[in-house]
Amino acid sequence: MQRNLGDEYYQIALRHGAIEGLKELAKNFQLVIFSHMNERYCNHIIDLFDRENIVFDAFYQRVKAFKRTDEYCNYN
């Protein structure tokens, strides 16, 4: 089950339990967000986390998107 949050231009799909999981992680770890999306989308994510009372320590935005290679897309 996914939770869709957003407006007509930007949709964020979170897995079931993601909000609760992030809150639990924030108790013992620093949460840092990395994004390659544009500033408006990033602000949308920040607003969502603020509404859900998720405390994160930093937000980094890469202006130019990564090239799609195994070097950057390896999630193992």
PDB file of N, CA and C in Angstrom:
ATOM      1  N   MET A   1       0.846  -1.184   0.000  1.00  0.00           N
ATOM      2  CA  MET A   1       0.000   0.000   0.000  1.00  0.00           C
ATOM      3  C   MET A   1       0.882   1.234   0.000  1.00  0.00           C
ATOM      4  N   GLN A   2       0.568   2.199  -0.820  1.00  0.00           N
ATOM      5  CA  GLN A   2       1.335   3.427  -0.888  1.00  0.00           C
ATOM      6  C   GLN A   2       0.472   4.593  -0.449  1.00  0.00           C
ATOM      7  N   ARG A   3       1.128   5.585   0.067  1.00  0.00           N
ATOM      8  CA  ARG A   3       0.446   6.802   0.491  1.00  0.00           C
ATOM      9  C   ARG A   3       0.869   7.900  -0.463  1.00  0.00           C
ATOM     10  N   ASN A   4      -0.066   8.453  -1.206  1.00  0.00           N
ATOM     11  CA  ASN A   4       0.239   9.499  -2.178  1.00  0.00           C
ATOM     12  C   ASN A   4      -0.076  10.857  -1.579  1.00  0.00           C
ATOM     13  N   LEU A   5       0.901  11.704  -1.562  1.00  0.00           N
ATOM     14  CA  LEU A   5       0.753  13.042  -1.009  1.00  0.00           C
ATOM     15  C   LEU A   5       1.277  14.027  -2.025  1.00  0.00           C
ATOM     16  N   GLY A   6       0.601  15.117  -2.204  1.00  0.00           N
ATOM     17  CA  GLY A   6       1.104  16.092  -3.147  1.00  0.00           C
ATOM     18  C   GLY A   6       0.010  16.942  -3.734  1.00  0.00           C
ATOM     19  N   ASP A   7       0.383  17.708  -4.722  1.00  0.00           N
ATOM     20  CA  ASP A   7      -0.590  18.533  -5.420  1.00  0.00           C
ATOM     21  C   ASP A   7      -0.701  18.027  -6.847  1.00  0.00           C
ATOM     22  N   GLU A   8      -1.347  18.786  -7.696  1.00  0.00           N
ATOM     23  CA  GLU A   8      -1.587  18.317  -9.059  1.00  0.00           C
ATOM     24  C   GLU A   8      -0.310  18.154  -9.873  1.00  0.00           C
ATOM     25  N   TYR A   9       0.781  18.815  -9.498  1.00  0.00           N
ATOM     26  CA  TYR A   9       2.016  18.746 -10.269  1.00  0.00           C
ATOM     27  C   TYR A   9       3.029  17.757  -9.692  1.00  0.00           C
ATOM     28  N   TYR A  10       3.006  17.596  -8.391  1.00  0.00           N
ATOM     29  CA  TYR A  10       4.010  16.763  -7.733  1.00  0.00           C
ATOM     30  C   TYR A  10       3.333  15.728  -6.863  1.00  0.00           C
ATOM     31  N   GLN A  11       3.687  14.489  -7.056  1.00  0.00           N
ATOM     32  CA  GLN A  11       3.156  13.397  -6.253  1.00  0.00           C
ATOM     33  C   GLN A  11       4.316  12.689  -5.565  1.00  0.00           C
ATOM     34  N   ILE A  12       4.128  12.397  -4.305  1.00  0.00           N
ATOM     35  CA  ILE A  12       5.110  11.651  -3.539  1.00  0.00           C
ATOM     36  C   ILE A  12       4.434  10.369  -3.091  1.00  0.00           C
ATOM     37  N   ALA A  13       5.012   9.247  -3.415  1.00  0.00           N
ATOM     38  CA  ALA A  13       4.457   7.958  -3.008  1.00  0.00           C
ATOM     39  C   ALA A  13       5.352   7.384  -1.918  1.00  0.00           C
ATOM     40  N   LEU A  14       4.773   7.192  -0.744  1.00  0.00           N
ATOM     41  CA  LEU A  14       5.503   6.607   0.376  1.00  0.00           C
ATOM     42  C   LEU A  14       4.941   5.229   0.676  1.00  0.00           C
ATOM     43  N   ARG A  15       5.811   4.315   0.999  1.00  0.00           N
ATOM     44  CA  ARG A  15       5.367   2.973   1.365  1.00  0.00           C
ATOM     45  C   ARG A  15       4.644   3.017   2.702  1.00  0.00           C
ATOM     46  N   HIS A  16       3.777   2.046   2.899  1.00  0.00           N
ATOM     47  CA  HIS A  16       3.051   1.918   4.153  1.00  0.00           C
ATOM     48  C   HIS A  16       4.055   1.844   5.311  1.00  0.00           C
ATOM     49  N   GLY A  17       3.887   2.681   6.306  1.00  0.00           N
ATOM     50  CA  GLY A  17       4.760   2.684   7.479  1.00  0.00           C
ATOM     51  C   GLY A  17       5.988   3.555   7.353  1.00  0.00           C
ATOM     52  N   ALA A  18       6.181   4.216   6.209  1.00  0.00           N
ATOM     53  CA  ALA A  18       7.385   5.024   6.007  1.00  0.00           C
ATOM     54  C   ALA A  18       7.464   6.192   6.991  1.00  0.00           C
ATOM     55  N   ILE A  19       6.356   6.869   7.211  1.00  0.00           N
ATOM     56  CA  ILE A  19       6.343   8.018   8.129  1.00  0.00           C
ATOM     57  C   ILE A  19       6.736   7.561   9.526  1.00  0.00           C
ATOM     58  N   GLU A  20       6.111   6.498   9.996  1.00  0.00           N
ATOM     59  CA  GLU A  20       6.411   5.976  11.327  1.00  0.00           C
ATOM     60  C   GLU A  20       7.861   5.501  11.413  1.00  0.00           C
ATOM     61  N   GLY A  21       8.338   4.853  10.350  1.00  0.00           N
ATOM     62  CA  GLY A  21       9.716   4.380  10.319  1.00  0.00           C
ATOM     63  C   GLY A  21      10.725   5.513  10.370  1.00  0.00           C
ATOM     64  N   LEU A  22      10.468   6.577   9.628  1.00  0.00           N
ATOM     65  CA  LEU A  22      11.370   7.729   9.649  1.00  0.00           C
ATOM     66  C   LEU A  22      11.390   8.386  11.024  1.00  0.00           C
ATOM     67  N   LYS A  23      10.241   8.479  11.657  1.00  0.00           N
ATOM     68  CA  LYS A  23      10.185   9.054  13.012  1.00  0.00           C
ATOM     69  C   LYS A  23      10.986   8.208  13.993  1.00  0.00           C
ATOM     70  N   GLU A  24      10.881   6.901  13.854  1.00  0.00           N
ATOM     71  CA  GLU A  24      11.617   5.996  14.737  1.00  0.00           C
ATOM     72  C   GLU A  24      13.122   6.109  14.488  1.00  0.00           C
ATOM     73  N   LEU A  25      13.536   6.173  13.237  1.00  0.00           N
ATOM     74  CA  LEU A  25      14.960   6.332  12.910  1.00  0.00           C
ATOM     75  C   LEU A  25      15.516   7.643  13.444  1.00  0.00           C
ATOM     76  N   ALA A  26      14.700   8.705  13.387  1.00  0.00           N
ATOM     77  CA  ALA A  26      15.153  10.022  13.830  1.00  0.00           C
ATOM     78  C   ALA A  26      15.475  10.041  15.328  1.00  0.00           C
ATOM     79  N   LYS A  27      14.964   9.094  16.077  1.00  0.00           N
ATOM     80  CA  LYS A  27      15.253   9.041  17.514  1.00  0.00           C
ATOM     81  C   LYS A  27      16.710   8.693  17.789  1.00  0.00           C
ATOM     82  N   ASN A  28      17.332   7.912  16.895  1.00  0.00           N
ATOM     83  CA  ASN A  28      18.689   7.424  17.143  1.00  0.00           C
ATOM     84  C   ASN A  28      19.712   7.802  16.081  1.00  0.00           C
ATOM     85  N   PHE A  29      19.228   8.342  14.968  1.00  0.00           N
ATOM     86  CA  PHE A  29      20.125   8.648  13.858  1.00  0.00           C
ATOM     87  C   PHE A  29      19.834  10.030  13.301  1.00  0.00           C
ATOM     88  N   GLN A  30      20.793  10.559  12.555  1.00  0.00           N
ATOM     89  CA  GLN A  30      20.569  11.799  11.825  1.00  0.00           C
ATOM     90  C   GLN A  30      19.953  11.442  10.476  1.00  0.00           C
ATOM     91  N   LEU A  31      18.858  12.094  10.139  1.00  0.00           N
ATOM     92  CA  LEU A  31      18.224  11.868   8.844  1.00  0.00           C
ATOM     93  C   LEU A  31      18.684  12.930   7.867  1.00  0.00           C
ATOM     94  N   VAL A  32      19.142  12.488   6.716  1.00  0.00           N
ATOM     95  CA  VAL A  32      19.613  13.381   5.668  1.00  0.00           C
ATOM     96  C   VAL A  32      18.904  13.008   4.380  1.00  0.00           C
ATOM     97  N   ILE A  33      18.430  14.007   3.663  1.00  0.00           N
ATOM     98  CA  ILE A  33      17.728  13.777   2.407  1.00  0.00           C
ATOM     99  C   ILE A  33      18.622  14.229   1.260  1.00  0.00           C
ATOM    100  N   PHE A  34      18.753  13.381   0.259  1.00  0.00           N
ATOM    101  CA  PHE A  34      19.472  13.715  -0.968  1.00  0.00           C
ATOM    102  C   PHE A  34      18.463  13.690  -2.105  1.00  0.00           C
ATOM    103  N   SER A  35      18.463  14.715  -2.937  1.00  0.00           N
ATOM    104  CA  SER A  35      17.527  14.761  -4.046  1.00  0.00           C
ATOM    105  C   SER A  35      18.177  15.359  -5.279  1.00  0.00           C
ATOM    106  N   HIS A  36      17.743  14.873  -6.429  1.00  0.00           N
ATOM    107  CA  HIS A  36      18.190  15.460  -7.694  1.00  0.00           C
ATOM    108  C   HIS A  36      17.045  16.240  -8.344  1.00  0.00           C
ATOM    109  N   MET A  37      15.927  16.364  -7.631  1.00  0.00           N
ATOM    110  CA  MET A  37      14.750  17.048  -8.166  1.00  0.00           C
ATOM    111  C   MET A  37      14.918  18.567  -8.066  1.00  0.00           C
ATOM    112  N   ASN A  38      14.029  19.294  -8.748  1.00  0.00           N
ATOM    113  CA  ASN A  38      14.125  20.752  -8.744  1.00  0.00           C
ATOM    114  C   ASN A  38      13.701  21.319  -7.388  1.00  0.00           C
ATOM    115  N   GLU A  39      13.941  22.598  -7.197  1.00  0.00           N
ATOM    116  CA  GLU A  39      13.719  23.243  -5.905  1.00  0.00           C
ATOM    117  C   GLU A  39      12.262  23.177  -5.454  1.00  0.00           C
ATOM    118  N   ARG A  40      11.333  23.329  -6.367  1.00  0.00           N
ATOM    119  CA  ARG A  40       9.916  23.307  -5.992  1.00  0.00           C
ATOM    120  C   ARG A  40       9.532  21.927  -5.442  1.00  0.00           C
ATOM    121  N   TYR A  41       9.988  20.880  -6.095  1.00  0.00           N
ATOM    122  CA  TYR A  41       9.706  19.529  -5.628  1.00  0.00           C
ATOM    123  C   TYR A  41      10.349  19.290  -4.262  1.00  0.00           C
ATOM    124  N   CYS A  42      11.581  19.744  -4.090  1.00  0.00           N
ATOM    125  CA  CYS A  42      12.273  19.584  -2.805  1.00  0.00           C
ATOM    126  C   CYS A  42      11.529  20.311  -1.695  1.00  0.00           C
ATOM    127  N   ASN A  43      11.043  21.496  -1.975  1.00  0.00           N
ATOM    128  CA  ASN A  43      10.264  22.232  -0.972  1.00  0.00           C
ATOM    129  C   ASN A  43       8.991  21.480  -0.614  1.00  0.00           C
ATOM    130  N   HIS A  44       8.403  20.807  -1.588  1.00  0.00           N
ATOM    131  CA  HIS A  44       7.214  20.008  -1.352  1.00  0.00           C
ATOM    132  C   HIS A  44       7.522  18.863  -0.376  1.00  0.00           C
ATOM    133  N   ILE A  45       8.668  18.219  -0.547  1.00  0.00           N
ATOM    134  CA  ILE A  45       9.090  17.143   0.350  1.00  0.00           C
ATOM    135  C   ILE A  45       9.319  17.691   1.755  1.00  0.00           C
ATOM    136  N   ILE A  46       9.997  18.818   1.851  1.00  0.00           N
ATOM    137  CA  ILE A  46      10.258  19.437   3.159  1.00  0.00           C
ATOM    138  C   ILE A  46       8.944  19.786   3.853  1.00  0.00           C
ATOM    139  N   ASP A  47       8.001  20.358   3.119  1.00  0.00           N
ATOM    140  CA  ASP A  47       6.695  20.693   3.699  1.00  0.00           C
ATOM    141  C   ASP A  47       5.973  19.438   4.192  1.00  0.00           C
ATOM    142  N   LEU A  48       6.033  18.370   3.414  1.00  0.00           N
ATOM    143  CA  LEU A  48       5.405  17.116   3.823  1.00  0.00           C
ATOM    144  C   LEU A  48       5.994  16.623   5.138  1.00  0.00           C
ATOM    145  N   PHE A  49       7.316  16.585   5.223  1.00  0.00           N
ATOM    146  CA  PHE A  49       7.956  16.110   6.440  1.00  0.00           C
ATOM    147  C   PHE A  49       7.647  17.022   7.625  1.00  0.00           C
ATOM    148  N   ASP A  50       7.583  18.314   7.388  1.00  0.00           N
ATOM    149  CA  ASP A  50       7.205  19.240   8.467  1.00  0.00           C
ATOM    150  C   ASP A  50       5.786  18.954   8.959  1.00  0.00           C
ATOM    151  N   ARG A  51       4.852  18.743   8.041  1.00  0.00           N
ATOM    152  CA  ARG A  51       3.461  18.439   8.434  1.00  0.00           C
ATOM    153  C   ARG A  51       3.372  17.142   9.218  1.00  0.00           C
ATOM    154  N   GLU A  52       4.224  16.183   8.898  1.00  0.00           N
ATOM    155  CA  GLU A  52       4.213  14.887   9.570  1.00  0.00           C
ATOM    156  C   GLU A  52       5.118  14.863  10.805  1.00  0.00           C
ATOM    157  N   ASN A  53       5.726  16.015  11.143  1.00  0.00           N
ATOM    158  CA  ASN A  53       6.618  16.130  12.310  1.00  0.00           C
ATOM    159  C   ASN A  53       7.814  15.181  12.231  1.00  0.00           C
ATOM    160  N   ILE A  54       8.365  15.066  11.041  1.00  0.00           N
ATOM    161  CA  ILE A  54       9.585  14.285  10.852  1.00  0.00           C
ATOM    162  C   ILE A  54      10.750  15.268  10.889  1.00  0.00           C
ATOM    163  N   VAL A  55      11.649  15.037  11.826  1.00  0.00           N
ATOM    164  CA  VAL A  55      12.800  15.922  11.990  1.00  0.00           C
ATOM    165  C   VAL A  55      13.967  15.350  11.190  1.00  0.00           C
ATOM    166  N   PHE A  56      14.497  16.145  10.269  1.00  0.00           N
ATOM    167  CA  PHE A  56      15.670  15.722   9.513  1.00  0.00           C
ATOM    168  C   PHE A  56      16.765  16.756   9.709  1.00  0.00           C
ATOM    169  N   ASP A  57      18.007  16.302   9.564  1.00  0.00           N
ATOM    170  CA  ASP A  57      19.158  17.137   9.896  1.00  0.00           C
ATOM    171  C   ASP A  57      19.718  17.922   8.728  1.00  0.00           C
ATOM    172  N   ALA A  58      19.506  17.443   7.513  1.00  0.00           N
ATOM    173  CA  ALA A  58      20.036  18.151   6.349  1.00  0.00           C
ATOM    174  C   ALA A  58      19.256  17.753   5.107  1.00  0.00           C
ATOM    175  N   PHE A  59      19.279  18.634   4.134  1.00  0.00           N
ATOM    176  CA  PHE A  59      18.649  18.377   2.840  1.00  0.00           C
ATOM    177  C   PHE A  59      19.635  18.835   1.779  1.00  0.00           C
ATOM    178  N   TYR A  60      20.092  17.902   0.976  1.00  0.00           N
ATOM    179  CA  TYR A  60      21.038  18.214  -0.089  1.00  0.00           C
ATOM    180  C   TYR A  60      20.356  18.038  -1.432  1.00  0.00           C
ATOM    181  N   GLN A  61      20.587  19.002  -2.297  1.00  0.00           N
ATOM    182  CA  GLN A  61      19.987  18.953  -3.620  1.00  0.00           C
ATOM    183  C   GLN A  61      21.084  19.015  -4.669  1.00  0.00           C
ATOM    184  N   ARG A  62      21.038  18.083  -5.606  1.00  0.00           N
ATOM    185  CA  ARG A  62      21.976  18.098  -6.725  1.00  0.00           C
ATOM    186  C   ARG A  62      21.246  18.721  -7.899  1.00  0.00           C
ATOM    187  N   VAL A  63      21.741  19.832  -8.370  1.00  0.00           N
ATOM    188  CA  VAL A  63      21.067  20.574  -9.423  1.00  0.00           C
ATOM    189  C   VAL A  63      21.055  19.799 -10.731  1.00  0.00           C
ATOM    190  N   LYS A  64      22.166  19.197 -11.081  1.00  0.00           N
ATOM    191  CA  LYS A  64      22.255  18.437 -12.318  1.00  0.00           C
ATOM    192  C   LYS A  64      22.055  16.964 -11.992  1.00  0.00           C
ATOM    193  N   ALA A  65      21.167  16.306 -12.689  1.00  0.00           N
ATOM    194  CA  ALA A  65      20.841  14.907 -12.422  1.00  0.00           C
ATOM    195  C   ALA A  65      22.037  14.000 -12.715  1.00  0.00           C
ATOM    196  N   PHE A  66      22.134  12.920 -11.954  1.00  0.00           N
ATOM    197  CA  PHE A  66      23.170  11.919 -12.185  1.00  0.00           C
ATOM    198  C   PHE A  66      22.938  11.232 -13.527  1.00  0.00           C
ATOM    199  N   LYS A  67      24.016  10.793 -14.126  1.00  0.00           N
ATOM    200  CA  LYS A  67      23.888   9.948 -15.307  1.00  0.00           C
ATOM    201  C   LYS A  67      23.408   8.580 -14.831  1.00  0.00           C
ATOM    202  N   ARG A  68      22.597   7.943 -15.621  1.00  0.00           N
ATOM    203  CA  ARG A  68      22.062   6.631 -15.231  1.00  0.00           C
ATOM    204  C   ARG A  68      23.084   5.540 -15.587  1.00  0.00           C
ATOM    205  N   THR A  69      23.923   5.232 -14.623  1.00  0.00           N
ATOM    206  CA  THR A  69      24.880   4.150 -14.792  1.00  0.00           C
ATOM    207  C   THR A  69      24.827   3.279 -13.543  1.00  0.00           C
ATOM    208  N   ASP A  70      25.412   2.117 -13.638  1.00  0.00           N
ATOM    209  CA  ASP A  70      25.433   1.217 -12.486  1.00  0.00           C
ATOM    210  C   ASP A  70      26.144   1.846 -11.300  1.00  0.00           C
ATOM    211  N   GLU A  71      27.097   2.719 -11.576  1.00  0.00           N
ATOM    212  CA  GLU A  71      27.854   3.359 -10.499  1.00  0.00           C
ATOM    213  C   GLU A  71      26.924   4.156  -9.589  1.00  0.00           C
ATOM    214  N   TYR A  72      25.908   4.818 -10.147  1.00  0.00           N
ATOM    215  CA  TYR A  72      25.024   5.658  -9.363  1.00  0.00           C
ATOM    216  C   TYR A  72      23.710   4.966  -8.995  1.00  0.00           C
ATOM    217  N   CYS A  73      23.339   3.919  -9.690  1.00  0.00           N
ATOM    218  CA  CYS A  73      22.041   3.287  -9.481  1.00  0.00           C
ATOM    219  C   CYS A  73      22.132   1.938  -8.800  1.00  0.00           C
ATOM    220  N   ASN A  74      23.252   1.585  -8.216  1.00  0.00           N
ATOM    221  CA  ASN A  74      23.409   0.319  -7.529  1.00  0.00           C
ATOM    222  C   ASN A  74      22.896   0.482  -6.104  1.00  0.00           C
ATOM    223  N   TYR A  75      21.754  -0.145  -5.795  1.00  0.00           N
ATOM    224  CA  TYR A  75      21.120   0.009  -4.485  1.00  0.00           C
ATOM    225  C   TYR A  75      21.382  -1.184  -3.570  1.00  0.00           C
ATOM    226  N   ASN A  76      22.359  -2.027  -3.895  1.00  0.00           N
ATOM    227  CA  ASN A  76      22.652  -3.203  -3.047  1.00  0.00           C
ATOM    228  C   ASN A  76      23.182  -2.786  -1.702  1.00  0.00           C
TER     229      ASN A  76
END
